[in-house]
Amino acid sequence: ILGLIEEAAGISLYQTKKESTTALIKKKDNKLQEINMILENEV
């Protein structure tokens, strides 16, 4: 029922965008951690 309501309200479109944005943020966070480790160990 929740899925039906979300689809009828048009929320499912935003859920897909949210998931892709969350994946992008996670990828950027990993890259930031990698850069911080390089700074700590080498610079």
Full PDB file with SEQRES, HELIX, SHEET, SSBOND, CRYST1, ORIGX, SCALE, CONECT and MASTER records, all heavy atoms in Angstrom:
SEQRES   1 A   43  ILE LEU GLY LEU ILE GLU GLU ALA ALA GLY ILE SER LEU          
SEQRES   2 A   43  TYR GLN THR LYS LYS GLU SER THR THR ALA LEU ILE LYS          
SEQRES   3 A   43  LYS LYS ASP ASN LYS LEU GLN GLU ILE ASN MET ILE LEU          
SEQRES   4 A   43  GLU ASN GLU VAL                                              
HELIX    1 AA1 LEU A    2  ALA A    9  1                                   8    
HELIX    2 AA2 ILE A   11  GLU A   42  1                                  32    
CRYST1    1.000    1.000    1.000  90.00  90.00  90.00 P 1           1          
ORIGX1      1.000000  0.000000  0.000000        0.00000                         
ORIGX2      0.000000  1.000000  0.000000        0.00000                         
ORIGX3      0.000000  0.000000  1.000000        0.00000                         
SCALE1      1.000000  0.000000  0.000000        0.00000                         
SCALE2      0.000000  1.000000  0.000000        0.00000                         
SCALE3      0.000000  0.000000  1.000000        0.00000                         
ATOM      1  N   ILE A   1       0.849  -1.202   0.000  1.00  0.00           N  
ATOM      2  CA  ILE A   1       0.000   0.000   0.000  1.00  0.00           C  
ATOM      3  C   ILE A   1       0.879   1.244   0.000  1.00  0.00           C  
ATOM      4  O   ILE A   1       0.608   2.207  -0.718  1.00  0.00           O  
ATOM      5  CB  ILE A   1      -0.962  -0.004   1.211  1.00  0.00           C  
ATOM      6  CG1 ILE A   1      -1.975  -1.139   1.052  1.00  0.00           C  
ATOM      7  CG2 ILE A   1      -1.680   1.330   1.339  1.00  0.00           C  
ATOM      8  CD1 ILE A   1      -2.862  -1.347   2.262  1.00  0.00           C  
ATOM      9  N   LEU A   2       1.947   1.218   0.802  1.00  0.00           N  
ATOM     10  CA  LEU A   2       2.876   2.350   0.833  1.00  0.00           C  
ATOM     11  C   LEU A   2       3.469   2.584  -0.555  1.00  0.00           C  
ATOM     12  O   LEU A   2       3.543   3.715  -1.025  1.00  0.00           O  
ATOM     13  CB  LEU A   2       3.979   2.108   1.854  1.00  0.00           C  
ATOM     14  CG  LEU A   2       5.041   3.199   1.964  1.00  0.00           C  
ATOM     15  CD1 LEU A   2       4.414   4.515   2.409  1.00  0.00           C  
ATOM     16  CD2 LEU A   2       6.146   2.771   2.917  1.00  0.00           C  
ATOM     17  N   GLY A   3       3.879   1.510  -1.219  1.00  0.00           N  
ATOM     18  CA  GLY A   3       4.419   1.629  -2.573  1.00  0.00           C  
ATOM     19  C   GLY A   3       3.402   2.203  -3.537  1.00  0.00           C  
ATOM     20  O   GLY A   3       3.732   3.034  -4.389  1.00  0.00           O  
ATOM     21  N   LEU A   4       2.161   1.772  -3.420  1.00  0.00           N  
ATOM     22  CA  LEU A   4       1.084   2.279  -4.263  1.00  0.00           C  
ATOM     23  C   LEU A   4       0.878   3.779  -4.042  1.00  0.00           C  
ATOM     24  O   LEU A   4       0.774   4.549  -4.997  1.00  0.00           O  
ATOM     25  CB  LEU A   4      -0.212   1.518  -3.967  1.00  0.00           C  
ATOM     26  CG  LEU A   4      -1.427   1.881  -4.781  1.00  0.00           C  
ATOM     27  CD1 LEU A   4      -1.324   1.276  -6.176  1.00  0.00           C  
ATOM     28  CD2 LEU A   4      -2.682   1.390  -4.088  1.00  0.00           C  
ATOM     29  N   ILE A   5       0.869   4.187  -2.790  1.00  0.00           N  
ATOM     30  CA  ILE A   5       0.678   5.605  -2.465  1.00  0.00           C  
ATOM     31  C   ILE A   5       1.866   6.432  -2.952  1.00  0.00           C  
ATOM     32  O   ILE A   5       1.686   7.509  -3.521  1.00  0.00           O  
ATOM     33  CB  ILE A   5       0.459   5.790  -0.948  1.00  0.00           C  
ATOM     34  CG1 ILE A   5      -0.886   5.186  -0.550  1.00  0.00           C  
ATOM     35  CG2 ILE A   5       0.523   7.260  -0.557  1.00  0.00           C  
ATOM     36  CD1 ILE A   5      -1.108   5.095   0.940  1.00  0.00           C  
ATOM     37  N   GLU A   6       3.086   5.912  -2.745  1.00  0.00           N  
ATOM     38  CA  GLU A   6       4.270   6.640  -3.195  1.00  0.00           C  
ATOM     39  C   GLU A   6       4.283   6.795  -4.705  1.00  0.00           C  
ATOM     40  O   GLU A   6       4.631   7.853  -5.226  1.00  0.00           O  
ATOM     41  CB  GLU A   6       5.542   5.920  -2.735  1.00  0.00           C  
ATOM     42  CG  GLU A   6       5.818   6.081  -1.261  1.00  0.00           C  
ATOM     43  CD  GLU A   6       7.033   5.306  -0.807  1.00  0.00           C  
ATOM     44  OE1 GLU A   6       7.524   4.417  -1.546  1.00  0.00           O  
ATOM     45  OE2 GLU A   6       7.502   5.579   0.311  1.00  0.00           O  
ATOM     46  N   GLU A   7       3.886   5.743  -5.406  1.00  0.00           N  
ATOM     47  CA  GLU A   7       3.853   5.823  -6.868  1.00  0.00           C  
ATOM     48  C   GLU A   7       2.785   6.803  -7.338  1.00  0.00           C  
ATOM     49  O   GLU A   7       3.005   7.590  -8.248  1.00  0.00           O  
ATOM     50  CB  GLU A   7       3.595   4.430  -7.454  1.00  0.00           C  
ATOM     51  CG  GLU A   7       3.726   4.399  -8.958  1.00  0.00           C  
ATOM     52  CD  GLU A   7       3.572   2.995  -9.506  1.00  0.00           C  
ATOM     53  OE1 GLU A   7       3.927   2.041  -8.829  1.00  0.00           O  
ATOM     54  OE2 GLU A   7       3.079   2.887 -10.641  1.00  0.00           O  
ATOM     55  N   ALA A   8       1.622   6.763  -6.695  1.00  0.00           N  
ATOM     56  CA  ALA A   8       0.544   7.672  -7.075  1.00  0.00           C  
ATOM     57  C   ALA A   8       0.909   9.121  -6.789  1.00  0.00           C  
ATOM     58  O   ALA A   8       0.532  10.026  -7.528  1.00  0.00           O  
ATOM     59  CB  ALA A   8      -0.745   7.299  -6.338  1.00  0.00           C  
ATOM     60  N   ALA A   9       1.675   9.341  -5.721  1.00  0.00           N  
ATOM     61  CA  ALA A   9       2.070  10.703  -5.357  1.00  0.00           C  
ATOM     62  C   ALA A   9       3.288  11.175  -6.139  1.00  0.00           C  
ATOM     63  O   ALA A   9       3.657  12.341  -6.070  1.00  0.00           O  
ATOM     64  CB  ALA A   9       2.358  10.774  -3.857  1.00  0.00           C  
ATOM     65  N   GLY A  10       3.932  10.266  -6.853  1.00  0.00           N  
ATOM     66  CA  GLY A  10       5.102  10.645  -7.630  1.00  0.00           C  
ATOM     67  C   GLY A  10       6.395  10.621  -6.826  1.00  0.00           C  
ATOM     68  O   GLY A  10       7.408  11.160  -7.255  1.00  0.00           O  
ATOM     69  N   ILE A  11       6.369   9.996  -5.675  1.00  0.00           N  
ATOM     70  CA  ILE A  11       7.541   9.954  -4.807  1.00  0.00           C  
ATOM     71  C   ILE A  11       8.574   8.956  -5.316  1.00  0.00           C  
ATOM     72  O   ILE A  11       9.769   9.140  -5.099  1.00  0.00           O  
ATOM     73  CB  ILE A  11       7.123   9.611  -3.362  1.00  0.00           C  
ATOM     74  CG1 ILE A  11       6.236  10.720  -2.811  1.00  0.00           C  
ATOM     75  CG2 ILE A  11       8.320   9.387  -2.457  1.00  0.00           C  
ATOM     76  CD1 ILE A  11       5.627  10.410  -1.476  1.00  0.00           C  
ATOM     77  N   SER A  12       8.136   7.916  -6.001  1.00  0.00           N  
ATOM     78  CA  SER A  12       9.062   6.873  -6.446  1.00  0.00           C  
ATOM     79  C   SER A  12      10.148   7.449  -7.355  1.00  0.00           C  
ATOM     80  O   SER A  12      11.288   6.976  -7.340  1.00  0.00           O  
ATOM     81  CB  SER A  12       8.317   5.736  -7.132  1.00  0.00           C  
ATOM     82  OG  SER A  12       7.563   6.223  -8.230  1.00  0.00           O  
ATOM     83  N   LEU A  13       9.829   8.466  -8.125  1.00  0.00           N  
ATOM     84  CA  LEU A  13      10.826   9.127  -8.969  1.00  0.00           C  
ATOM     85  C   LEU A  13      11.934   9.718  -8.112  1.00  0.00           C  
ATOM     86  O   LEU A  13      13.115   9.566  -8.395  1.00  0.00           O  
ATOM     87  CB  LEU A  13      10.167  10.233  -9.800  1.00  0.00           C  
ATOM     88  CG  LEU A  13      11.097  11.207 -10.507  1.00  0.00           C  
ATOM     89  CD1 LEU A  13      11.778  10.511 -11.678  1.00  0.00           C  
ATOM     90  CD2 LEU A  13      10.339  12.422 -10.972  1.00  0.00           C  
ATOM     91  N   TYR A  14      11.548  10.370  -7.020  1.00  0.00           N  
ATOM     92  CA  TYR A  14      12.530  10.986  -6.141  1.00  0.00           C  
ATOM     93  C   TYR A  14      13.328   9.945  -5.362  1.00  0.00           C  
ATOM     94  O   TYR A  14      14.475  10.175  -5.010  1.00  0.00           O  
ATOM     95  CB  TYR A  14      11.860  11.977  -5.198  1.00  0.00           C  
ATOM     96  CG  TYR A  14      11.228  13.118  -5.944  1.00  0.00           C  
ATOM     97  CD1 TYR A  14       9.851  13.245  -6.029  1.00  0.00           C  
ATOM     98  CD2 TYR A  14      12.015  14.046  -6.599  1.00  0.00           C  
ATOM     99  CE1 TYR A  14       9.279  14.293  -6.742  1.00  0.00           C  
ATOM    100  CE2 TYR A  14      11.448  15.092  -7.314  1.00  0.00           C  
ATOM    101  CZ  TYR A  14      10.073  15.201  -7.372  1.00  0.00           C  
ATOM    102  OH  TYR A  14       9.521  16.229  -8.082  1.00  0.00           O  
ATOM    103  N   GLN A  15      12.716   8.792  -5.090  1.00  0.00           N  
ATOM    104  CA  GLN A  15      13.426   7.732  -4.381  1.00  0.00           C  
ATOM    105  C   GLN A  15      14.604   7.243  -5.220  1.00  0.00           C  
ATOM    106  O   GLN A  15      15.692   7.027  -4.697  1.00  0.00           O  
ATOM    107  CB  GLN A  15      12.469   6.571  -4.073  1.00  0.00           C  
ATOM    108  CG  GLN A  15      13.080   5.472  -3.237  1.00  0.00           C  
ATOM    109  CD  GLN A  15      13.436   5.924  -1.834  1.00  0.00           C  
ATOM    110  OE1 GLN A  15      12.819   6.827  -1.279  1.00  0.00           O  
ATOM    111  NE2 GLN A  15      14.446   5.306  -1.260  1.00  0.00           N  
ATOM    112  N   THR A  16      14.411   7.109  -6.519  1.00  0.00           N  
ATOM    113  CA  THR A  16      15.490   6.682  -7.413  1.00  0.00           C  
ATOM    114  C   THR A  16      16.603   7.721  -7.428  1.00  0.00           C  
ATOM    115  O   THR A  16      17.789   7.373  -7.356  1.00  0.00           O  
ATOM    116  CB  THR A  16      14.942   6.471  -8.840  1.00  0.00           C  
ATOM    117  OG1 THR A  16      13.822   5.588  -8.783  1.00  0.00           O  
ATOM    118  CG2 THR A  16      15.986   5.910  -9.758  1.00  0.00           C  
ATOM    119  N   LYS A  17      16.229   8.990  -7.504  1.00  0.00           N  
ATOM    120  CA  LYS A  17      17.233  10.056  -7.477  1.00  0.00           C  
ATOM    121  C   LYS A  17      17.975  10.072  -6.149  1.00  0.00           C  
ATOM    122  O   LYS A  17      19.189  10.284  -6.106  1.00  0.00           O  
ATOM    123  CB  LYS A  17      16.573  11.418  -7.719  1.00  0.00           C  
ATOM    124  CG  LYS A  17      16.122  11.626  -9.135  1.00  0.00           C  
ATOM    125  CD  LYS A  17      15.518  13.011  -9.304  1.00  0.00           C  
ATOM    126  CE  LYS A  17      15.093  13.255 -10.733  1.00  0.00           C  
ATOM    127  NZ  LYS A  17      14.551  14.607 -10.917  1.00  0.00           N  
ATOM    128  N   LYS A  18      17.258   9.833  -5.064  1.00  0.00           N  
ATOM    129  CA  LYS A  18      17.870   9.814  -3.739  1.00  0.00           C  
ATOM    130  C   LYS A  18      18.902   8.694  -3.647  1.00  0.00           C  
ATOM    131  O   LYS A  18      20.002   8.894  -3.117  1.00  0.00           O  
ATOM    132  CB  LYS A  18      16.797   9.629  -2.663  1.00  0.00           C  
ATOM    133  CG  LYS A  18      17.356   9.536  -1.261  1.00  0.00           C  
ATOM    134  CD  LYS A  18      16.266   9.224  -0.263  1.00  0.00           C  
ATOM    135  CE  LYS A  18      16.852   8.941   1.109  1.00  0.00           C  
ATOM    136  NZ  LYS A  18      15.830   8.467   2.042  1.00  0.00           N  
ATOM    137  N   GLU A  19      18.554   7.515  -4.158  1.00  0.00           N  
ATOM    138  CA  GLU A  19      19.477   6.386  -4.096  1.00  0.00           C  
ATOM    139  C   GLU A  19      20.744   6.654  -4.901  1.00  0.00           C  
ATOM    140  O   GLU A  19      21.852   6.358  -4.443  1.00  0.00           O  
ATOM    141  CB  GLU A  19      18.783   5.117  -4.591  1.00  0.00           C  
ATOM    142  CG  GLU A  19      17.727   4.603  -3.632  1.00  0.00           C  
ATOM    143  CD  GLU A  19      16.867   3.507  -4.225  1.00  0.00           C  
ATOM    144  OE1 GLU A  19      17.086   3.107  -5.401  1.00  0.00           O  
ATOM    145  OE2 GLU A  19      15.971   3.033  -3.516  1.00  0.00           O  
ATOM    146  N   SER A  20      20.597   7.233  -6.082  1.00  0.00           N  
ATOM    147  CA  SER A  20      21.784   7.516  -6.898  1.00  0.00           C  
ATOM    148  C   SER A  20      22.632   8.617  -6.262  1.00  0.00           C  
ATOM    149  O   SER A  20      23.867   8.544  -6.275  1.00  0.00           O  
ATOM    150  CB  SER A  20      21.394   7.899  -8.323  1.00  0.00           C  
ATOM    151  OG  SER A  20      20.690   9.108  -8.346  1.00  0.00           O  
ATOM    152  N   THR A  21      22.001   9.607  -5.658  1.00  0.00           N  
ATOM    153  CA  THR A  21      22.736  10.676  -4.986  1.00  0.00           C  
ATOM    154  C   THR A  21      23.450  10.151  -3.746  1.00  0.00           C  
ATOM    155  O   THR A  21      24.593  10.523  -3.477  1.00  0.00           O  
ATOM    156  CB  THR A  21      21.782  11.828  -4.610  1.00  0.00           C  
ATOM    157  OG1 THR A  21      21.126  12.288  -5.788  1.00  0.00           O  
ATOM    158  CG2 THR A  21      22.528  12.977  -3.966  1.00  0.00           C  
ATOM    159  N   THR A  22      22.792   9.262  -3.004  1.00  0.00           N  
ATOM    160  CA  THR A  22      23.415   8.664  -1.829  1.00  0.00           C  
ATOM    161  C   THR A  22      24.641   7.847  -2.220  1.00  0.00           C  
ATOM    162  O   THR A  22      25.673   7.900  -1.545  1.00  0.00           O  
ATOM    163  CB  THR A  22      22.401   7.777  -1.077  1.00  0.00           C  
ATOM    164  OG1 THR A  22      21.264   8.569  -0.728  1.00  0.00           O  
ATOM    165  CG2 THR A  22      23.001   7.193   0.188  1.00  0.00           C  
ATOM    166  N   ALA A  23      24.550   7.119  -3.325  1.00  0.00           N  
ATOM    167  CA  ALA A  23      25.697   6.348  -3.811  1.00  0.00           C  
ATOM    168  C   ALA A  23      26.845   7.273  -4.206  1.00  0.00           C  
ATOM    169  O   ALA A  23      28.014   6.979  -3.923  1.00  0.00           O  
ATOM    170  CB  ALA A  23      25.278   5.476  -4.993  1.00  0.00           C  
ATOM    171  N   LEU A  24      26.525   8.396  -4.833  1.00  0.00           N  
ATOM    172  CA  LEU A  24      27.543   9.361  -5.217  1.00  0.00           C  
ATOM    173  C   LEU A  24      28.220   9.971  -3.983  1.00  0.00           C  
ATOM    174  O   LEU A  24      29.447  10.098  -3.938  1.00  0.00           O  
ATOM    175  CB  LEU A  24      26.928  10.469  -6.084  1.00  0.00           C  
ATOM    176  CG  LEU A  24      27.876  11.564  -6.551  1.00  0.00           C  
ATOM    177  CD1 LEU A  24      28.940  10.996  -7.479  1.00  0.00           C  
ATOM    178  CD2 LEU A  24      27.095  12.667  -7.244  1.00  0.00           C  
ATOM    179  N   ILE A  25      27.439  10.300  -2.979  1.00  0.00           N  
ATOM    180  CA  ILE A  25      27.993  10.860  -1.742  1.00  0.00           C  
ATOM    181  C   ILE A  25      28.916   9.844  -1.073  1.00  0.00           C  
ATOM    182  O   ILE A  25      30.001  10.195  -0.600  1.00  0.00           O  
ATOM    183  CB  ILE A  25      26.861  11.299  -0.785  1.00  0.00           C  
ATOM    184  CG1 ILE A  25      26.159  12.537  -1.341  1.00  0.00           C  
ATOM    185  CG2 ILE A  25      27.396  11.564   0.620  1.00  0.00           C  
ATOM    186  CD1 ILE A  25      24.907  12.922  -0.585  1.00  0.00           C  
ATOM    187  N   LYS A  26      28.503   8.586  -1.051  1.00  0.00           N  
ATOM    188  CA  LYS A  26      29.329   7.543  -0.454  1.00  0.00           C  
ATOM    189  C   LYS A  26      30.654   7.406  -1.203  1.00  0.00           C  
ATOM    190  O   LYS A  26      31.722   7.275  -0.589  1.00  0.00           O  
ATOM    191  CB  LYS A  26      28.575   6.216  -0.460  1.00  0.00           C  
ATOM    192  CG  LYS A  26      29.187   5.142   0.364  1.00  0.00           C  
ATOM    193  CD  LYS A  26      28.267   3.942   0.437  1.00  0.00           C  
ATOM    194  CE  LYS A  26      28.800   2.943   1.441  1.00  0.00           C  
ATOM    195  NZ  LYS A  26      27.887   1.816   1.602  1.00  0.00           N  
ATOM    196  N   LYS A  27      30.592   7.466  -2.525  1.00  0.00           N  
ATOM    197  CA  LYS A  27      31.801   7.378  -3.348  1.00  0.00           C  
ATOM    198  C   LYS A  27      32.737   8.560  -3.056  1.00  0.00           C  
ATOM    199  O   LYS A  27      33.947   8.382  -2.908  1.00  0.00           O  
ATOM    200  CB  LYS A  27      31.397   7.363  -4.824  1.00  0.00           C  
ATOM    201  CG  LYS A  27      32.533   7.227  -5.788  1.00  0.00           C  
ATOM    202  CD  LYS A  27      32.016   7.210  -7.218  1.00  0.00           C  
ATOM    203  CE  LYS A  27      33.144   7.238  -8.208  1.00  0.00           C  
ATOM    204  NZ  LYS A  27      32.665   7.308  -9.591  1.00  0.00           N  
ATOM    205  N   LYS A  28      32.175   9.759  -2.948  1.00  0.00           N  
ATOM    206  CA  LYS A  28      32.976  10.952  -2.656  1.00  0.00           C  
ATOM    207  C   LYS A  28      33.572  10.891  -1.252  1.00  0.00           C  
ATOM    208  O   LYS A  28      34.708  11.312  -1.039  1.00  0.00           O  
ATOM    209  CB  LYS A  28      32.141  12.231  -2.816  1.00  0.00           C  
ATOM    210  CG  LYS A  28      31.607  12.462  -4.214  1.00  0.00           C  
ATOM    211  CD  LYS A  28      32.703  12.681  -5.210  1.00  0.00           C  
ATOM    212  CE  LYS A  28      32.121  12.929  -6.587  1.00  0.00           C  
ATOM    213  NZ  LYS A  28      33.126  13.162  -7.598  1.00  0.00           N  
ATOM    214  N   ASP A  29      32.822  10.366  -0.286  1.00  0.00           N  
ATOM    215  CA  ASP A  29      33.344  10.208   1.069  1.00  0.00           C  
ATOM    216  C   ASP A  29      34.533   9.252   1.095  1.00  0.00           C  
ATOM    217  O   ASP A  29      35.521   9.497   1.792  1.00  0.00           O  
ATOM    218  CB  ASP A  29      32.257   9.715   2.027  1.00  0.00           C  
ATOM    219  CG  ASP A  29      31.342  10.817   2.507  1.00  0.00           C  
ATOM    220  OD1 ASP A  29      31.723  12.000   2.381  1.00  0.00           O  
ATOM    221  OD2 ASP A  29      30.245  10.498   3.012  1.00  0.00           O  
ATOM    222  N   ASN A  30      34.428   8.160   0.349  1.00  0.00           N  
ATOM    223  CA  ASN A  30      35.540   7.206   0.276  1.00  0.00           C  
ATOM    224  C   ASN A  30      36.779   7.866  -0.318  1.00  0.00           C  
ATOM    225  O   ASN A  30      37.900   7.655   0.155  1.00  0.00           O  
ATOM    226  CB  ASN A  30      35.145   5.971  -0.537  1.00  0.00           C  
ATOM    227  CG  ASN A  30      34.143   5.097   0.191  1.00  0.00           C  
ATOM    228  OD1 ASN A  30      34.017   5.161   1.405  1.00  0.00           O  
ATOM    229  ND2 ASN A  30      33.411   4.293  -0.557  1.00  0.00           N  
ATOM    230  N   LYS A  31      36.583   8.653  -1.355  1.00  0.00           N  
ATOM    231  CA  LYS A  31      37.700   9.358  -1.981  1.00  0.00           C  
ATOM    232  C   LYS A  31      38.320  10.360  -1.001  1.00  0.00           C  
ATOM    233  O   LYS A  31      39.547  10.498  -0.919  1.00  0.00           O  
ATOM    234  CB  LYS A  31      37.220  10.069  -3.251  1.00  0.00           C  
ATOM    235  CG  LYS A  31      38.313  10.651  -4.088  1.00  0.00           C  
ATOM    236  CD  LYS A  31      39.170   9.556  -4.691  1.00  0.00           C  
ATOM    237  CE  LYS A  31      40.162  10.144  -5.654  1.00  0.00           C  
ATOM    238  NZ  LYS A  31      41.084   9.139  -6.169  1.00  0.00           N  
ATOM    239  N   LEU A  32      37.489  11.053  -0.243  1.00  0.00           N  
ATOM    240  CA  LEU A  32      37.966  12.010   0.749  1.00  0.00           C  
ATOM    241  C   LEU A  32      38.773  11.311   1.835  1.00  0.00           C  
ATOM    242  O   LEU A  32      39.828  11.803   2.258  1.00  0.00           O  
ATOM    243  CB  LEU A  32      36.790  12.769   1.359  1.00  0.00           C  
ATOM    244  CG  LEU A  32      37.116  13.859   2.364  1.00  0.00           C  
ATOM    245  CD1 LEU A  32      37.955  14.955   1.722  1.00  0.00           C  
ATOM    246  CD2 LEU A  32      35.837  14.444   2.935  1.00  0.00           C  
ATOM    247  N   GLN A  33      38.325  10.152   2.297  1.00  0.00           N  
ATOM    248  CA  GLN A  33      39.072   9.386   3.285  1.00  0.00           C  
ATOM    249  C   GLN A  33      40.420   8.943   2.726  1.00  0.00           C  
ATOM    250  O   GLN A  33      41.437   8.976   3.427  1.00  0.00           O  
ATOM    251  CB  GLN A  33      38.272   8.170   3.747  1.00  0.00           C  
ATOM    252  CG  GLN A  33      37.105   8.518   4.637  1.00  0.00           C  
ATOM    253  CD  GLN A  33      36.278   7.300   5.004  1.00  0.00           C  
ATOM    254  OE1 GLN A  33      36.503   6.196   4.516  1.00  0.00           O  
ATOM    255  NE2 GLN A  33      35.282   7.511   5.858  1.00  0.00           N  
ATOM    256  N   GLU A  34      40.433   8.547   1.478  1.00  0.00           N  
ATOM    257  CA  GLU A  34      41.674   8.145   0.821  1.00  0.00           C  
ATOM    258  C   GLU A  34      42.665   9.316   0.762  1.00  0.00           C  
ATOM    259  O   GLU A  34      43.854   9.163   1.058  1.00  0.00           O  
ATOM    260  CB  GLU A  34      41.369   7.636  -0.587  1.00  0.00           C  
ATOM    261  CG  GLU A  34      42.557   7.139  -1.359  1.00  0.00           C  
ATOM    262  CD  GLU A  34      42.178   6.712  -2.766  1.00  0.00           C  
ATOM    263  OE1 GLU A  34      41.074   6.167  -2.960  1.00  0.00           O  
ATOM    264  OE2 GLU A  34      43.001   6.943  -3.677  1.00  0.00           O  
ATOM    265  N   ILE A  35      42.169  10.477   0.408  1.00  0.00           N  
ATOM    266  CA  ILE A  35      43.021  11.677   0.352  1.00  0.00           C  
ATOM    267  C   ILE A  35      43.545  12.033   1.733  1.00  0.00           C  
ATOM    268  O   ILE A  35      44.725  12.356   1.900  1.00  0.00           O  
ATOM    269  CB  ILE A  35      42.246  12.868  -0.271  1.00  0.00           C  
ATOM    270  CG1 ILE A  35      42.003  12.601  -1.758  1.00  0.00           C  
ATOM    271  CG2 ILE A  35      42.994  14.177  -0.067  1.00  0.00           C  
ATOM    272  CD1 ILE A  35      41.044  13.574  -2.409  1.00  0.00           C  
ATOM    273  N   ASN A  36      42.697  11.942   2.739  1.00  0.00           N  
ATOM    274  CA  ASN A  36      43.129  12.240   4.111  1.00  0.00           C  
ATOM    275  C   ASN A  36      44.201  11.262   4.578  1.00  0.00           C  
ATOM    276  O   ASN A  36      45.148  11.655   5.268  1.00  0.00           O  
ATOM    277  CB  ASN A  36      41.942  12.237   5.077  1.00  0.00           C  
ATOM    278  CG  ASN A  36      41.111  13.486   4.956  1.00  0.00           C  
ATOM    279  OD1 ASN A  36      41.617  14.538   4.572  1.00  0.00           O  
ATOM    280  ND2 ASN A  36      39.833  13.379   5.272  1.00  0.00           N  
ATOM    281  N   MET A  37      44.075   9.988   4.210  1.00  0.00           N  
ATOM    282  CA  MET A  37      45.094   9.007   4.588  1.00  0.00           C  
ATOM    283  C   MET A  37      46.417   9.319   3.901  1.00  0.00           C  
ATOM    284  O   MET A  37      47.488   9.219   4.520  1.00  0.00           O  
ATOM    285  CB  MET A  37      44.630   7.588   4.221  1.00  0.00           C  
ATOM    286  CG  MET A  37      43.611   7.050   5.202  1.00  0.00           C  
ATOM    287  SD  MET A  37      42.939   5.405   4.834  1.00  0.00           S  
ATOM    288  CE  MET A  37      44.272   4.528   4.083  1.00  0.00           C  
ATOM    289  N   ILE A  38      46.371   9.717   2.643  1.00  0.00           N  
ATOM    290  CA  ILE A  38      47.595  10.084   1.917  1.00  0.00           C  
ATOM    291  C   ILE A  38      48.247  11.296   2.577  1.00  0.00           C  
ATOM    292  O   ILE A  38      49.455  11.335   2.765  1.00  0.00           O  
ATOM    293  CB  ILE A  38      47.291  10.351   0.428  1.00  0.00           C  
ATOM    294  CG1 ILE A  38      46.921   9.061  -0.274  1.00  0.00           C  
ATOM    295  CG2 ILE A  38      48.481  11.015  -0.257  1.00  0.00           C  
ATOM    296  CD1 ILE A  38      46.385   9.235  -1.685  1.00  0.00           C  
ATOM    297  N   LEU A  39      47.441  12.278   2.947  1.00  0.00           N  
ATOM    298  CA  LEU A  39      47.969  13.461   3.634  1.00  0.00           C  
ATOM    299  C   LEU A  39      48.631  13.096   4.951  1.00  0.00           C  
ATOM    300  O   LEU A  39      49.725  13.582   5.268  1.00  0.00           O  
ATOM    301  CB  LEU A  39      46.864  14.490   3.870  1.00  0.00           C  
ATOM    302  CG  LEU A  39      46.398  15.287   2.658  1.00  0.00           C  
ATOM    303  CD1 LEU A  39      45.176  16.124   3.016  1.00  0.00           C  
ATOM    304  CD2 LEU A  39      47.506  16.164   2.125  1.00  0.00           C  
ATOM    305  N   GLU A  40      47.997  12.235   5.728  1.00  0.00           N  
ATOM    306  CA  GLU A  40      48.537  11.849   7.025  1.00  0.00           C  
ATOM    307  C   GLU A  40      49.826  11.043   6.878  1.00  0.00           C  
ATOM    308  O   GLU A  40      50.775  11.237   7.642  1.00  0.00           O  
ATOM    309  CB  GLU A  40      47.516  11.003   7.805  1.00  0.00           C  
ATOM    310  CG  GLU A  40      46.407  11.807   8.412  1.00  0.00           C  
ATOM    311  CD  GLU A  40      45.435  10.916   9.183  1.00  0.00           C  
ATOM    312  OE1 GLU A  40      45.851   9.853   9.673  1.00  0.00           O  
ATOM    313  OE2 GLU A  40      44.271  11.306   9.285  1.00  0.00           O  
ATOM    314  N   ASN A  41      49.867  10.131   5.930  1.00  0.00           N  
ATOM    315  CA  ASN A  41      50.998   9.214   5.809  1.00  0.00           C  
ATOM    316  C   ASN A  41      52.161   9.761   4.989  1.00  0.00           C  
ATOM    317  O   ASN A  41      53.318   9.403   5.257  1.00  0.00           O  
ATOM    318  CB  ASN A  41      50.532   7.891   5.213  1.00  0.00           C  
ATOM    319  CG  ASN A  41      49.550   7.172   6.110  1.00  0.00           C  
ATOM    320  OD1 ASN A  41      49.559   7.351   7.323  1.00  0.00           O  
ATOM    321  ND2 ASN A  41      48.679   6.379   5.525  1.00  0.00           N  
ATOM    322  N   GLU A  42      51.893  10.604   4.027  1.00  0.00           N  
ATOM    323  CA  GLU A  42      52.961  11.015   3.123  1.00  0.00           C  
ATOM    324  C   GLU A  42      53.342  12.495   3.229  1.00  0.00           C  
ATOM    325  O   GLU A  42      54.500  12.844   3.088  1.00  0.00           O  
ATOM    326  CB  GLU A  42      52.592  10.681   1.677  1.00  0.00           C  
ATOM    327  CG  GLU A  42      52.470   9.188   1.430  1.00  0.00           C  
ATOM    328  CD  GLU A  42      52.109   8.852   0.001  1.00  0.00           C  
ATOM    329  OE1 GLU A  42      52.210   9.746  -0.866  1.00  0.00           O  
ATOM    330  OE2 GLU A  42      51.725   7.707  -0.246  1.00  0.00           O  
ATOM    331  N   VAL A  43      52.370  13.342   3.463  1.00  0.00           N  
ATOM    332  CA  VAL A  43      52.649  14.783   3.466  1.00  0.00           C  
ATOM    333  C   VAL A  43      53.047  15.263   4.865  1.00  0.00           C  
ATOM    334  O   VAL A  43      54.029  15.989   5.010  1.00  0.00           O  
ATOM    335  CB  VAL A  43      51.428  15.578   2.935  1.00  0.00           C  
ATOM    336  CG1 VAL A  43      51.672  17.059   3.046  1.00  0.00           C  
ATOM    337  CG2 VAL A  43      51.125  15.179   1.501  1.00  0.00           C  
TER     338      VAL A  43                                                      
MASTER        0    0    0    2    0    0    0    6  337    1    0    4          
END                                                                             
